[in-house]
């Protein structure tokens, strides 16, 4: 099973999470969601049912891929 990190909490991330929801836990597992604002908003624990990960914790977690879901790129 492939372990994914979703980068972003905007419209693109929301759409991607909805589209891939039927396949989650079958082909991959979403380990968490990371966002540049996470550093400043420590009180946010989940996004769309997934753990919000800080930049500091990113490299403490085993994952295979980061899926970039930025509204700006």
C-alpha atoms as a PDB file:
ATOM      1  CA  UNK A   1       0.000   0.000   0.000  1.00  0.00           C
ATOM      2  CA  UNK A   2       1.254   3.478  -0.895  1.00  0.00           C
ATOM      3  CA  UNK A   3       1.395   6.064   1.904  1.00  0.00           C
ATOM      4  CA  UNK A   4       0.522   9.594   0.765  1.00  0.00           C
ATOM      5  CA  UNK A   5       0.847  13.064   2.247  1.00  0.00           C
ATOM      6  CA  UNK A   6      -1.478  15.724   0.814  1.00  0.00           C
ATOM      7  CA  UNK A   7       0.144  19.172   0.630  1.00  0.00           C
ATOM      8  CA  UNK A   8      -2.464  21.922   0.823  1.00  0.00           C
ATOM      9  CA  UNK A   9      -5.817  22.629   2.446  1.00  0.00           C
ATOM     10  CA  UNK A  10      -7.488  24.688  -0.257  1.00  0.00           C
ATOM     11  CA  UNK A  11     -10.010  24.056  -3.002  1.00  0.00           C
ATOM     12  CA  UNK A  12      -7.730  21.738  -4.979  1.00  0.00           C
ATOM     13  CA  UNK A  13      -6.989  19.560  -1.940  1.00  0.00           C
ATOM     14  CA  UNK A  14     -10.684  19.387  -1.098  1.00  0.00           C
ATOM     15  CA  UNK A  15     -11.571  18.293  -4.643  1.00  0.00           C
ATOM     16  CA  UNK A  16      -8.762  15.724  -4.793  1.00  0.00           C
ATOM     17  CA  UNK A  17      -9.724  14.223  -1.437  1.00  0.00           C
ATOM     18  CA  UNK A  18     -13.333  13.835  -2.608  1.00  0.00           C
ATOM     19  CA  UNK A  19     -12.312  12.253  -5.923  1.00  0.00           C
ATOM     20  CA  UNK A  20      -9.953   9.702  -4.420  1.00  0.00           C
ATOM     21  CA  UNK A  21     -12.068   8.831  -1.391  1.00  0.00           C
ATOM     22  CA  UNK A  22     -13.536   5.614  -2.936  1.00  0.00           C
ATOM     23  CA  UNK A  23     -10.018   4.273  -3.562  1.00  0.00           C
ATOM     24  CA  UNK A  24      -8.542   5.142  -0.185  1.00  0.00           C
ATOM     25  CA  UNK A  25      -7.497   2.157   1.928  1.00  0.00           C
ATOM     26  CA  UNK A  26      -7.668  -0.038  -1.202  1.00  0.00           C
ATOM     27  CA  UNK A  27      -4.715   1.335  -3.166  1.00  0.00           C
ATOM     28  CA  UNK A  28      -3.235   3.908  -0.805  1.00  0.00           C
ATOM     29  CA  UNK A  29      -3.443   5.420   2.637  1.00  0.00           C
ATOM     30  CA  UNK A  30      -3.482   9.148   3.284  1.00  0.00           C
ATOM     31  CA  UNK A  31      -1.118   9.628   6.209  1.00  0.00           C
ATOM     32  CA  UNK A  32      -2.030  13.269   6.648  1.00  0.00           C
ATOM     33  CA  UNK A  33      -2.347  16.758   5.256  1.00  0.00           C
ATOM     34  CA  UNK A  34       0.341  19.408   5.462  1.00  0.00           C
ATOM     35  CA  UNK A  35       0.098  23.089   4.646  1.00  0.00           C
ATOM     36  CA  UNK A  36       2.354  26.111   5.038  1.00  0.00           C
ATOM     37  CA  UNK A  37      -0.215  27.669   7.404  1.00  0.00           C
ATOM     38  CA  UNK A  38      -0.049  24.633   9.704  1.00  0.00           C
ATOM     39  CA  UNK A  39       2.998  26.112  11.412  1.00  0.00           C
ATOM     40  CA  UNK A  40       0.995  29.160  12.472  1.00  0.00           C
ATOM     41  CA  UNK A  41      -2.275  27.380  13.255  1.00  0.00           C
ATOM     42  CA  UNK A  42      -1.240  24.723  15.768  1.00  0.00           C
ATOM     43  CA  UNK A  43      -4.846  24.332  16.927  1.00  0.00           C
ATOM     44  CA  UNK A  44      -5.952  22.627  13.669  1.00  0.00           C
ATOM     45  CA  UNK A  45      -5.826  18.860  14.169  1.00  0.00           C
ATOM     46  CA  UNK A  46      -7.770  17.461  11.210  1.00  0.00           C
ATOM     47  CA  UNK A  47      -8.801  18.414   7.696  1.00  0.00           C
ATOM     48  CA  UNK A  48     -11.532  16.456   5.918  1.00  0.00           C
ATOM     49  CA  UNK A  49     -11.018  13.632   8.406  1.00  0.00           C
ATOM     50  CA  UNK A  50      -7.237  13.445   7.979  1.00  0.00           C
ATOM     51  CA  UNK A  51      -4.518  14.341  10.456  1.00  0.00           C
ATOM     52  CA  UNK A  52      -2.894  17.736   9.906  1.00  0.00           C
ATOM     53  CA  UNK A  53       0.885  17.398  10.084  1.00  0.00           C
ATOM     54  CA  UNK A  54       3.299  20.190  10.913  1.00  0.00           C
ATOM     55  CA  UNK A  55       6.433  20.788   8.875  1.00  0.00           C
ATOM     56  CA  UNK A  56       8.494  19.760  11.901  1.00  0.00           C
ATOM     57  CA  UNK A  57       6.770  16.371  12.043  1.00  0.00           C
ATOM     58  CA  UNK A  58       6.887  15.672   8.309  1.00  0.00           C
ATOM     59  CA  UNK A  59      10.259  13.944   8.347  1.00  0.00           C
ATOM     60  CA  UNK A  60       9.365  11.843  11.390  1.00  0.00           C
ATOM     61  CA  UNK A  61       6.677  10.051   9.371  1.00  0.00           C
ATOM     62  CA  UNK A  62       7.124   7.284   6.808  1.00  0.00           C
ATOM     63  CA  UNK A  63       5.499   8.133   3.488  1.00  0.00           C
ATOM     64  CA  UNK A  64       5.993   7.292  -0.171  1.00  0.00           C
ATOM     65  CA  UNK A  65       4.751  10.391  -1.993  1.00  0.00           C
ATOM     66  CA  UNK A  66       3.633  13.954  -1.394  1.00  0.00           C
ATOM     67  CA  UNK A  67       0.708  15.030  -3.582  1.00  0.00           C
ATOM     68  CA  UNK A  68       0.892  18.782  -4.201  1.00  0.00           C
ATOM     69  CA  UNK A  69      -2.610  20.293  -4.129  1.00  0.00           C
ATOM     70  CA  UNK A  70      -1.872  23.993  -4.198  1.00  0.00           C
ATOM     71  CA  UNK A  71      -4.411  26.491  -5.464  1.00  0.00           C
ATOM     72  CA  UNK A  72      -1.545  28.703  -6.659  1.00  0.00           C
ATOM     73  CA  UNK A  73       0.384  26.368  -8.998  1.00  0.00           C
END
